[in-house]
Structure formats: structure tokens, C-alpha cells
Amino acid sequence: MKKVSEIAEEIGCSRTTVYNHLNSLNEELEQHIYSRDGVKVIDSKGVELLKLSIEGKGIEQQSLTEAGKEQETEGLTLLERQALQQHIDSLKQQVNRLENQLQEKDRQLSRKDKQVENFQVLLQQRDQKVEQLEGEVLEQKKGLLDKIKGFFTGDKG
């Protein structure tokens, strides 16, 4: 734990600069700031984030947050790391399972596409057969009408 004045001296800047960065990074640093006898003190993770902010002068808050997360990860116990690794492994398995399901759905869609294509061919063949039969029926009607006309006109040909 370091006081603001100690951090300023260590970095080589004014206390005002440290306070300005503390205020601008309040959300990221609030869990690292404590009060001892009315004096602000910052833990080691907070000091590192402050240093990044002050020395970088243009570092985005997102990268500061990521740096803080990395430092938090470094401070994890073995059990916490193992739990995190198990969670990561579980998520990887879930991703693999979902990828496999997606591949199966792709295969199913491909089969459905083929079925639709085959159905369209069958419909087209059916339509052609209907047209052919309608043509034959028309010819037979015409032939029958001609025979009926011939019967009434006396032409029995």
C-alpha cells in the first residue's frame, strides 16, 4: 500500500497529477483505494494501473482495465486458476459441441435441399404427363366428334 505522495515521487510527477488520474479512473481503481487515518492509500494493483495511466498519458481505459485483469489473474491461487481452467475447458467443449450441431444442421439442410430439388423435378414430370394426357384426350374427343359428325352426315368413314 502506497500513499499518493509516494506514488508521485516514484513516478516523478506531482501529487495533483496522481489525483487527476485517480479521479479519471475512479471506476477502475475504486476497489484498489483505501483510507488509512484519513490518508488515501492504493494497493499494488492500483499503483500499477496508475503508473500505466500516467506514463502512457493516452492509454485508453479499456486497456487499463485489461491490464488490471491480467494482474488480477497473476494473483489468483492455484485452486482459482484450476477452476478458471476447468471453466475454460467446459466452454471449449460447449463450443465444439455447438460446432458439431451446426455441421449436422448443415448436412440436414443439404438433404432437405436435395429433397426439394427432387420434388420439383417430380412436379415438372407430372405437369408434362398431365399436358400429354390432356393432348391425348383432346385428340380422342376430336376423333369422336368427327365420327359423330360422320354418322349424322352419312359419312361412315
N, C-alpha and C. Protein backbone atom coordinates (compact mmCIF):
# COMPACT_ATOMS: atom_id res chain seq x y z
N MET A 1 0.84 -1.17 0.00
CA MET A 1 0.00 0.00 0.00
C MET A 1 0.90 1.24 0.00
N LYS A 2 0.55 2.15 -0.92
CA LYS A 2 1.34 3.37 -1.02
C LYS A 2 0.43 4.59 -0.96
N LYS A 3 1.00 5.67 -0.38
CA LYS A 3 0.29 6.94 -0.34
C LYS A 3 0.44 7.62 -1.70
N VAL A 4 -0.45 8.57 -1.96
CA VAL A 4 -0.41 9.32 -3.21
C VAL A 4 0.93 10.02 -3.36
N SER A 5 1.45 10.59 -2.29
CA SER A 5 2.73 11.30 -2.36
C SER A 5 3.87 10.34 -2.72
N GLU A 6 3.81 9.10 -2.21
CA GLU A 6 4.85 8.11 -2.53
C GLU A 6 4.77 7.70 -4.00
N ILE A 7 3.56 7.55 -4.48
CA ILE A 7 3.39 7.19 -5.90
C ILE A 7 3.90 8.30 -6.78
N ALA A 8 3.57 9.55 -6.45
CA ALA A 8 4.01 10.71 -7.24
C ALA A 8 5.53 10.78 -7.28
N GLU A 9 6.17 10.56 -6.12
CA GLU A 9 7.62 10.59 -6.06
C GLU A 9 8.24 9.46 -6.88
N GLU A 10 7.66 8.28 -6.78
CA GLU A 10 8.17 7.10 -7.50
C GLU A 10 8.07 7.29 -9.01
N ILE A 11 6.95 7.86 -9.47
CA ILE A 11 6.74 8.04 -10.91
C ILE A 11 7.47 9.29 -11.41
N GLY A 12 7.64 10.27 -10.54
CA GLY A 12 8.30 11.51 -10.93
C GLY A 12 7.30 12.53 -11.45
N CYS A 13 6.17 12.63 -10.78
CA CYS A 13 5.16 13.61 -11.16
C CYS A 13 4.59 14.25 -9.90
N SER A 14 3.66 15.17 -10.09
CA SER A 14 3.09 15.85 -8.92
C SER A 14 1.96 15.02 -8.31
N ARG A 15 1.63 15.33 -7.06
CA ARG A 15 0.50 14.66 -6.40
C ARG A 15 -0.79 15.01 -7.14
N THR A 16 -0.86 16.23 -7.67
CA THR A 16 -2.05 16.67 -8.41
C THR A 16 -2.28 15.76 -9.61
N THR A 17 -1.20 15.41 -10.31
CA THR A 17 -1.31 14.51 -11.47
C THR A 17 -1.86 13.15 -11.03
N VAL A 18 -1.34 12.66 -9.92
CA VAL A 18 -1.81 11.36 -9.41
C VAL A 18 -3.29 11.46 -9.06
N TYR A 19 -3.67 12.53 -8.36
CA TYR A 19 -5.09 12.70 -8.00
C TYR A 19 -5.98 12.82 -9.25
N ASN A 20 -5.49 13.54 -10.27
CA ASN A 20 -6.27 13.67 -11.51
C ASN A 20 -6.52 12.31 -12.14
N HIS A 21 -5.50 11.49 -12.16
CA HIS A 21 -5.65 10.15 -12.74
C HIS A 21 -6.51 9.26 -11.85
N LEU A 22 -6.39 9.45 -10.56
CA LEU A 22 -7.26 8.70 -9.64
C LEU A 22 -8.72 9.03 -9.92
N ASN A 23 -8.99 10.32 -10.11
CA ASN A 23 -10.37 10.75 -10.37
C ASN A 23 -10.87 10.26 -11.72
N SER A 24 -10.02 10.32 -12.74
CA SER A 24 -10.47 9.90 -14.08
C SER A 24 -10.63 8.38 -14.18
N LEU A 25 -9.92 7.66 -13.34
CA LEU A 25 -10.01 6.19 -13.37
C LEU A 25 -10.74 5.66 -12.14
N ASN A 26 -11.58 6.47 -11.58
CA ASN A 26 -12.25 6.13 -10.32
C ASN A 26 -12.91 4.75 -10.37
N GLU A 27 -13.64 4.46 -11.47
CA GLU A 27 -14.35 3.19 -11.56
C GLU A 27 -13.39 2.00 -11.54
N GLU A 28 -12.29 2.13 -12.30
CA GLU A 28 -11.34 1.02 -12.38
C GLU A 28 -10.53 0.85 -11.10
N LEU A 29 -10.33 1.97 -10.39
CA LEU A 29 -9.43 1.93 -9.23
C LEU A 29 -10.14 1.85 -7.88
N GLU A 30 -11.46 2.05 -7.85
CA GLU A 30 -12.15 2.15 -6.57
C GLU A 30 -11.91 0.96 -5.65
N GLN A 31 -11.73 -0.23 -6.23
CA GLN A 31 -11.51 -1.42 -5.39
C GLN A 31 -10.07 -1.51 -4.89
N HIS A 32 -9.20 -0.60 -5.39
CA HIS A 32 -7.79 -0.63 -5.00
C HIS A 32 -7.43 0.55 -4.08
N ILE A 33 -8.39 1.42 -3.77
CA ILE A 33 -8.14 2.61 -2.96
C ILE A 33 -8.71 2.39 -1.55
N TYR A 34 -7.89 2.72 -0.56
CA TYR A 34 -8.29 2.57 0.83
C TYR A 34 -7.96 3.86 1.58
N SER A 35 -8.51 4.00 2.74
CA SER A 35 -8.23 5.18 3.56
C SER A 35 -7.63 4.71 4.88
N ARG A 36 -6.45 5.25 5.22
CA ARG A 36 -5.78 4.94 6.49
C ARG A 36 -5.53 6.24 7.23
N ASP A 37 -6.18 6.38 8.34
CA ASP A 37 -6.03 7.59 9.16
C ASP A 37 -6.29 8.84 8.33
N GLY A 38 -7.29 8.77 7.44
CA GLY A 38 -7.66 9.93 6.62
C GLY A 38 -6.75 10.16 5.42
N VAL A 39 -5.84 9.25 5.16
CA VAL A 39 -4.92 9.38 4.03
C VAL A 39 -5.25 8.29 3.00
N LYS A 40 -5.32 8.71 1.73
CA LYS A 40 -5.59 7.72 0.67
C LYS A 40 -4.37 6.86 0.45
N VAL A 41 -4.59 5.55 0.39
CA VAL A 41 -3.53 4.61 0.04
C VAL A 41 -4.06 3.69 -1.05
N ILE A 42 -3.15 3.25 -1.90
CA ILE A 42 -3.53 2.43 -3.06
C ILE A 42 -2.73 1.14 -3.00
N ASP A 43 -3.41 0.02 -3.27
CA ASP A 43 -2.71 -1.26 -3.26
C ASP A 43 -1.85 -1.40 -4.51
N SER A 44 -1.08 -2.51 -4.58
CA SER A 44 -0.10 -2.67 -5.66
C SER A 44 -0.75 -2.73 -7.04
N LYS A 45 -1.90 -3.36 -7.13
CA LYS A 45 -2.58 -3.43 -8.44
C LYS A 45 -3.02 -2.04 -8.87
N GLY A 46 -3.55 -1.27 -7.93
CA GLY A 46 -3.96 0.10 -8.22
C GLY A 46 -2.79 0.96 -8.63
N VAL A 47 -1.65 0.78 -7.95
CA VAL A 47 -0.44 1.55 -8.29
C VAL A 47 -0.02 1.24 -9.72
N GLU A 48 -0.04 -0.02 -10.09
CA GLU A 48 0.34 -0.40 -11.46
C GLU A 48 -0.59 0.24 -12.49
N LEU A 49 -1.89 0.23 -12.21
CA LEU A 49 -2.85 0.86 -13.12
C LEU A 49 -2.59 2.36 -13.22
N LEU A 50 -2.31 2.99 -12.10
CA LEU A 50 -1.99 4.42 -12.11
C LEU A 50 -0.74 4.70 -12.94
N LYS A 51 0.29 3.88 -12.74
CA LYS A 51 1.53 4.07 -13.49
C LYS A 51 1.26 3.95 -14.99
N LEU A 52 0.49 2.95 -15.37
CA LEU A 52 0.15 2.79 -16.78
C LEU A 52 -0.55 4.04 -17.30
N SER A 53 -1.46 4.56 -16.53
CA SER A 53 -2.23 5.73 -16.95
C SER A 53 -1.34 6.96 -17.06
N ILE A 54 -0.53 7.20 -16.04
CA ILE A 54 0.29 8.42 -16.01
C ILE A 54 1.41 8.34 -17.03
N GLU A 55 2.10 7.22 -17.11
CA GLU A 55 3.22 7.10 -18.04
C GLU A 55 2.75 7.02 -19.47
N GLY A 56 1.59 6.39 -19.69
CA GLY A 56 1.07 6.26 -21.05
C GLY A 56 0.42 7.53 -21.54
N LYS A 57 -0.11 8.34 -20.66
CA LYS A 57 -0.76 9.61 -20.92
C LYS A 57 -1.88 9.54 -21.94
N GLY A 58 -2.01 8.45 -22.71
CA GLY A 58 -3.10 8.36 -23.67
C GLY A 58 -3.68 6.97 -23.71
N ILE A 59 -3.34 6.19 -22.73
CA ILE A 59 -3.82 4.82 -22.70
C ILE A 59 -5.32 4.84 -22.48
N GLU A 60 -6.02 4.09 -23.28
CA GLU A 60 -7.47 4.02 -23.13
C GLU A 60 -7.83 3.29 -21.86
N GLN A 61 -8.95 3.64 -21.29
CA GLN A 61 -9.39 2.99 -20.06
C GLN A 61 -9.59 1.51 -20.26
N GLN A 62 -9.98 1.12 -21.47
CA GLN A 62 -10.19 -0.31 -21.73
C GLN A 62 -8.89 -1.08 -21.54
N SER A 63 -7.79 -0.53 -22.06
CA SER A 63 -6.52 -1.25 -21.92
C SER A 63 -6.08 -1.26 -20.47
N LEU A 64 -6.41 -0.20 -19.72
CA LEU A 64 -6.09 -0.20 -18.30
C LEU A 64 -6.88 -1.28 -17.57
N THR A 65 -8.13 -1.40 -17.93
CA THR A 65 -8.97 -2.42 -17.32
C THR A 65 -8.41 -3.81 -17.64
N GLU A 66 -8.00 -4.01 -18.91
CA GLU A 66 -7.42 -5.30 -19.30
C GLU A 66 -6.14 -5.56 -18.53
N ALA A 67 -5.30 -4.52 -18.36
CA ALA A 67 -4.06 -4.69 -17.60
C ALA A 67 -4.37 -5.08 -16.17
N GLY A 68 -5.39 -4.45 -15.60
CA GLY A 68 -5.80 -4.79 -14.24
C GLY A 68 -6.27 -6.22 -14.14
N LYS A 69 -7.01 -6.66 -15.15
CA LYS A 69 -7.50 -8.05 -15.14
C LYS A 69 -6.33 -9.02 -15.22
N GLU A 70 -5.32 -8.67 -16.05
CA GLU A 70 -4.15 -9.55 -16.15
C GLU A 70 -3.46 -9.66 -14.80
N GLN A 71 -3.32 -8.51 -14.12
CA GLN A 71 -2.67 -8.53 -12.82
C GLN A 71 -3.51 -9.31 -11.82
N GLU A 72 -4.83 -9.20 -11.92
CA GLU A 72 -5.69 -9.96 -11.03
C GLU A 72 -5.50 -11.45 -11.26
N THR A 73 -5.35 -11.85 -12.52
CA THR A 73 -5.15 -13.25 -12.86
C THR A 73 -3.83 -13.75 -12.27
N GLU A 74 -2.79 -12.89 -12.32
CA GLU A 74 -1.50 -13.28 -11.76
C GLU A 74 -1.59 -13.55 -10.27
N GLY A 75 -2.50 -12.87 -9.58
CA GLY A 75 -2.62 -13.01 -8.14
C GLY A 75 -3.56 -14.13 -7.71
N LEU A 76 -4.07 -14.91 -8.64
CA LEU A 76 -5.01 -15.97 -8.30
C LEU A 76 -4.29 -17.14 -7.64
N THR A 77 -5.01 -17.81 -6.77
CA THR A 77 -4.47 -19.01 -6.15
C THR A 77 -4.51 -20.15 -7.14
N LEU A 78 -3.82 -21.21 -6.81
CA LEU A 78 -3.78 -22.38 -7.68
C LEU A 78 -5.18 -22.94 -7.88
N LEU A 79 -5.97 -23.00 -6.81
CA LEU A 79 -7.34 -23.52 -6.92
C LEU A 79 -8.18 -22.64 -7.84
N GLU A 80 -8.01 -21.32 -7.71
CA GLU A 80 -8.77 -20.40 -8.56
C GLU A 80 -8.37 -20.56 -10.02
N ARG A 81 -7.08 -20.73 -10.25
CA ARG A 81 -6.60 -20.94 -11.63
C ARG A 81 -7.15 -22.25 -12.20
N GLN A 82 -7.15 -23.28 -11.37
CA GLN A 82 -7.68 -24.57 -11.83
C GLN A 82 -9.17 -24.45 -12.14
N ALA A 83 -9.89 -23.73 -11.29
CA ALA A 83 -11.32 -23.54 -11.52
C ALA A 83 -11.55 -22.76 -12.82
N LEU A 84 -10.74 -21.73 -13.02
CA LEU A 84 -10.84 -20.96 -14.28
C LEU A 84 -10.53 -21.85 -15.49
N GLN A 85 -9.49 -22.66 -15.37
CA GLN A 85 -9.11 -23.53 -16.48
C GLN A 85 -10.22 -24.54 -16.76
N GLN A 86 -10.83 -25.07 -15.71
CA GLN A 86 -11.95 -26.00 -15.90
C GLN A 86 -13.11 -25.30 -16.59
N HIS A 87 -13.36 -24.08 -16.21
CA HIS A 87 -14.44 -23.31 -16.85
C HIS A 87 -14.11 -23.07 -18.32
N ILE A 88 -12.86 -22.72 -18.60
CA ILE A 88 -12.43 -22.50 -19.99
C ILE A 88 -12.59 -23.79 -20.78
N ASP A 89 -12.13 -24.91 -20.20
CA ASP A 89 -12.27 -26.20 -20.88
C ASP A 89 -13.73 -26.54 -21.14
N SER A 90 -14.57 -26.26 -20.15
CA SER A 90 -16.01 -26.51 -20.30
C SER A 90 -16.58 -25.67 -21.45
N LEU A 91 -16.17 -24.42 -21.52
CA LEU A 91 -16.65 -23.55 -22.60
C LEU A 91 -16.14 -24.04 -23.97
N LYS A 92 -14.89 -24.51 -24.00
CA LYS A 92 -14.35 -25.04 -25.25
C LYS A 92 -15.14 -26.27 -25.70
N GLN A 93 -15.48 -27.14 -24.75
CA GLN A 93 -16.29 -28.32 -25.07
C GLN A 93 -17.66 -27.90 -25.60
N GLN A 94 -18.22 -26.89 -24.98
CA GLN A 94 -19.52 -26.40 -25.42
C GLN A 94 -19.44 -25.84 -26.83
N VAL A 95 -18.38 -25.10 -27.11
CA VAL A 95 -18.18 -24.56 -28.47
C VAL A 95 -18.05 -25.71 -29.46
N ASN A 96 -17.26 -26.73 -29.12
CA ASN A 96 -17.10 -27.88 -30.02
C ASN A 96 -18.43 -28.58 -30.26
N ARG A 97 -19.20 -28.75 -29.18
CA ARG A 97 -20.50 -29.41 -29.32
C ARG A 97 -21.41 -28.58 -30.23
N LEU A 98 -21.41 -27.28 -30.04
CA LEU A 98 -22.25 -26.42 -30.88
C LEU A 98 -21.79 -26.42 -32.33
N GLU A 99 -20.47 -26.47 -32.54
CA GLU A 99 -19.95 -26.55 -33.91
C GLU A 99 -20.40 -27.85 -34.57
N ASN A 100 -20.35 -28.96 -33.81
CA ASN A 100 -20.80 -30.25 -34.34
C ASN A 100 -22.28 -30.21 -34.68
N GLN A 101 -23.06 -29.59 -33.80
CA GLN A 101 -24.50 -29.47 -34.06
C GLN A 101 -24.74 -28.63 -35.31
N LEU A 102 -23.96 -27.59 -35.47
CA LEU A 102 -24.09 -26.73 -36.64
C LEU A 102 -23.76 -27.50 -37.92
N GLN A 103 -22.71 -28.32 -37.87
CA GLN A 103 -22.36 -29.14 -39.03
C GLN A 103 -23.49 -30.12 -39.36
N GLU A 104 -24.08 -30.73 -38.33
CA GLU A 104 -25.18 -31.66 -38.56
C GLU A 104 -26.37 -30.93 -39.17
N LYS A 105 -26.66 -29.73 -38.69
CA LYS A 105 -27.76 -28.93 -39.26
C LYS A 105 -27.46 -28.60 -40.72
N ASP A 106 -26.22 -28.31 -41.03
CA ASP A 106 -25.84 -28.05 -42.43
C ASP A 106 -26.10 -29.28 -43.30
N ARG A 107 -25.74 -30.47 -42.77
CA ARG A 107 -25.99 -31.70 -43.52
C ARG A 107 -27.50 -31.92 -43.71
N GLN A 108 -28.27 -31.67 -42.66
CA GLN A 108 -29.72 -31.83 -42.75
C GLN A 108 -30.30 -30.86 -43.78
N LEU A 109 -29.83 -29.64 -43.77
CA LEU A 109 -30.31 -28.66 -44.76
C LEU A 109 -29.94 -29.09 -46.18
N SER A 110 -28.77 -29.64 -46.32
CA SER A 110 -28.34 -30.11 -47.65
C SER A 110 -29.26 -31.23 -48.13
N ARG A 111 -29.60 -32.15 -47.22
CA ARG A 111 -30.53 -33.23 -47.60
C ARG A 111 -31.90 -32.66 -47.96
N LYS A 112 -32.37 -31.70 -47.19
CA LYS A 112 -33.67 -31.07 -47.49
C LYS A 112 -33.63 -30.37 -48.84
N ASP A 113 -32.52 -29.69 -49.14
CA ASP A 113 -32.39 -29.02 -50.43
C ASP A 113 -32.49 -30.03 -51.58
N LYS A 114 -31.85 -31.18 -51.39
CA LYS A 114 -31.88 -32.24 -52.40
C LYS A 114 -33.31 -32.78 -52.55
N GLN A 115 -34.01 -32.95 -51.42
CA GLN A 115 -35.39 -33.42 -51.47
C GLN A 115 -36.29 -32.42 -52.19
N VAL A 116 -36.11 -31.15 -51.91
CA VAL A 116 -36.89 -30.11 -52.58
C VAL A 116 -36.62 -30.13 -54.08
N GLU A 117 -35.36 -30.28 -54.43
CA GLU A 117 -34.98 -30.34 -55.85
C GLU A 117 -35.64 -31.54 -56.52
N ASN A 118 -35.60 -32.70 -55.86
CA ASN A 118 -36.22 -33.90 -56.42
C ASN A 118 -37.74 -33.71 -56.55
N PHE A 119 -38.35 -33.07 -55.56
CA PHE A 119 -39.78 -32.82 -55.60
C PHE A 119 -40.14 -31.92 -56.78
N GLN A 120 -39.30 -30.92 -57.02
CA GLN A 120 -39.54 -30.02 -58.15
C GLN A 120 -39.46 -30.77 -59.48
N VAL A 121 -38.50 -31.69 -59.59
CA VAL A 121 -38.38 -32.50 -60.81
C VAL A 121 -39.63 -33.36 -60.98
N LEU A 122 -40.09 -33.97 -59.88
CA LEU A 122 -41.30 -34.79 -59.96
C LEU A 122 -42.52 -33.96 -60.36
N LEU A 123 -42.65 -32.77 -59.82
CA LEU A 123 -43.76 -31.89 -60.20
C LEU A 123 -43.70 -31.53 -61.68
N GLN A 124 -42.50 -31.26 -62.14
CA GLN A 124 -42.33 -30.92 -63.55
C GLN A 124 -42.71 -32.11 -64.44
N GLN A 125 -42.28 -33.31 -64.05
CA GLN A 125 -42.64 -34.51 -64.81
C GLN A 125 -44.15 -34.74 -64.79
N ARG A 126 -44.76 -34.51 -63.63
CA ARG A 126 -46.20 -34.67 -63.51
C ARG A 126 -46.93 -33.68 -64.42
N ASP A 127 -46.47 -32.44 -64.44
CA ASP A 127 -47.09 -31.43 -65.29
C ASP A 127 -46.97 -31.81 -66.77
N GLN A 128 -45.80 -32.36 -67.14
CA GLN A 128 -45.62 -32.79 -68.54
C GLN A 128 -46.56 -33.95 -68.86
N LYS A 129 -46.70 -34.88 -67.92
CA LYS A 129 -47.59 -36.02 -68.13
C LYS A 129 -49.04 -35.56 -68.25
N VAL A 130 -49.45 -34.58 -67.40
CA VAL A 130 -50.80 -34.03 -67.47
C VAL A 130 -51.03 -33.39 -68.84
N GLU A 131 -50.06 -32.59 -69.30
CA GLU A 131 -50.19 -31.96 -70.62
C GLU A 131 -50.31 -33.01 -71.72
N GLN A 132 -49.49 -34.06 -71.61
CA GLN A 132 -49.53 -35.13 -72.61
C GLN A 132 -50.91 -35.79 -72.61
N LEU A 133 -51.42 -36.13 -71.42
CA LEU A 133 -52.73 -36.77 -71.32
C LEU A 133 -53.85 -35.85 -71.81
N GLU A 134 -53.75 -34.56 -71.49
CA GLU A 134 -54.75 -33.61 -71.98
C GLU A 134 -54.74 -33.56 -73.50
N GLY A 135 -53.53 -33.63 -74.09
CA GLY A 135 -53.41 -33.65 -75.55
C GLY A 135 -54.05 -34.90 -76.15
N GLU A 136 -53.81 -36.04 -75.51
CA GLU A 136 -54.39 -37.29 -75.99
C GLU A 136 -55.92 -37.25 -75.89
N VAL A 137 -56.43 -36.70 -74.76
CA VAL A 137 -57.87 -36.60 -74.56
C VAL A 137 -58.48 -35.72 -75.65
N LEU A 138 -57.82 -34.60 -75.94
CA LEU A 138 -58.32 -33.70 -76.99
C LEU A 138 -58.36 -34.40 -78.35
N GLU A 139 -57.31 -35.17 -78.64
CA GLU A 139 -57.29 -35.90 -79.92
C GLU A 139 -58.42 -36.92 -79.97
N GLN A 140 -58.65 -37.65 -78.86
CA GLN A 140 -59.72 -38.63 -78.82
C GLN A 140 -61.09 -37.96 -78.95
N LYS A 141 -61.26 -36.81 -78.30
CA LYS A 141 -62.51 -36.06 -78.41
C LYS A 141 -62.75 -35.65 -79.86
N LYS A 142 -61.68 -35.15 -80.47
CA LYS A 142 -61.77 -34.70 -81.85
C LYS A 142 -62.15 -35.88 -82.76
N GLY A 143 -61.50 -37.01 -82.51
CA GLY A 143 -61.81 -38.20 -83.29
C GLY A 143 -63.25 -38.64 -83.11
N LEU A 144 -63.74 -38.61 -81.86
CA LEU A 144 -65.12 -38.99 -81.58
C LEU A 144 -66.10 -38.01 -82.23
N LEU A 145 -65.78 -36.72 -82.12
CA LEU A 145 -66.65 -35.71 -82.74
C LEU A 145 -66.70 -35.90 -84.26
N ASP A 146 -65.57 -36.20 -84.83
CA ASP A 146 -65.53 -36.44 -86.28
C ASP A 146 -66.39 -37.65 -86.64
N LYS A 147 -66.33 -38.71 -85.81
CA LYS A 147 -67.13 -39.91 -86.08
C LYS A 147 -68.62 -39.59 -85.93
N ILE A 148 -68.96 -38.82 -84.90
CA ILE A 148 -70.37 -38.46 -84.68
C ILE A 148 -70.86 -37.62 -85.85
N LYS A 149 -70.06 -36.65 -86.29
CA LYS A 149 -70.44 -35.82 -87.45
C LYS A 149 -70.62 -36.70 -88.68
N GLY A 150 -69.70 -37.63 -88.84
CA GLY A 150 -69.78 -38.53 -89.99
C GLY A 150 -71.02 -39.40 -89.94
N PHE A 151 -71.42 -39.79 -88.76
CA PHE A 151 -72.60 -40.61 -88.60
C PHE A 151 -73.85 -39.83 -89.02
N PHE A 152 -73.90 -38.57 -88.61
CA PHE A 152 -75.07 -37.76 -88.96
C PHE A 152 -75.03 -37.28 -90.41
N THR A 153 -73.84 -37.12 -90.94
CA THR A 153 -73.77 -36.66 -92.33
C THR A 153 -73.80 -37.84 -93.28
N GLY A 154 -73.72 -38.99 -92.79
CA GLY A 154 -73.78 -40.16 -93.62
C GLY A 154 -72.43 -40.69 -94.02
N ASP A 155 -71.41 -39.99 -93.61
CA ASP A 155 -70.04 -40.45 -93.88
C ASP A 155 -69.64 -41.40 -92.79
N LYS A 156 -69.51 -42.66 -93.07
CA LYS A 156 -69.23 -43.66 -92.04
C LYS A 156 -67.78 -44.05 -92.05
N GLY A 157 -66.94 -43.16 -92.46
CA GLY A 157 -65.54 -43.40 -92.68
C GLY A 157 -64.73 -43.59 -91.54
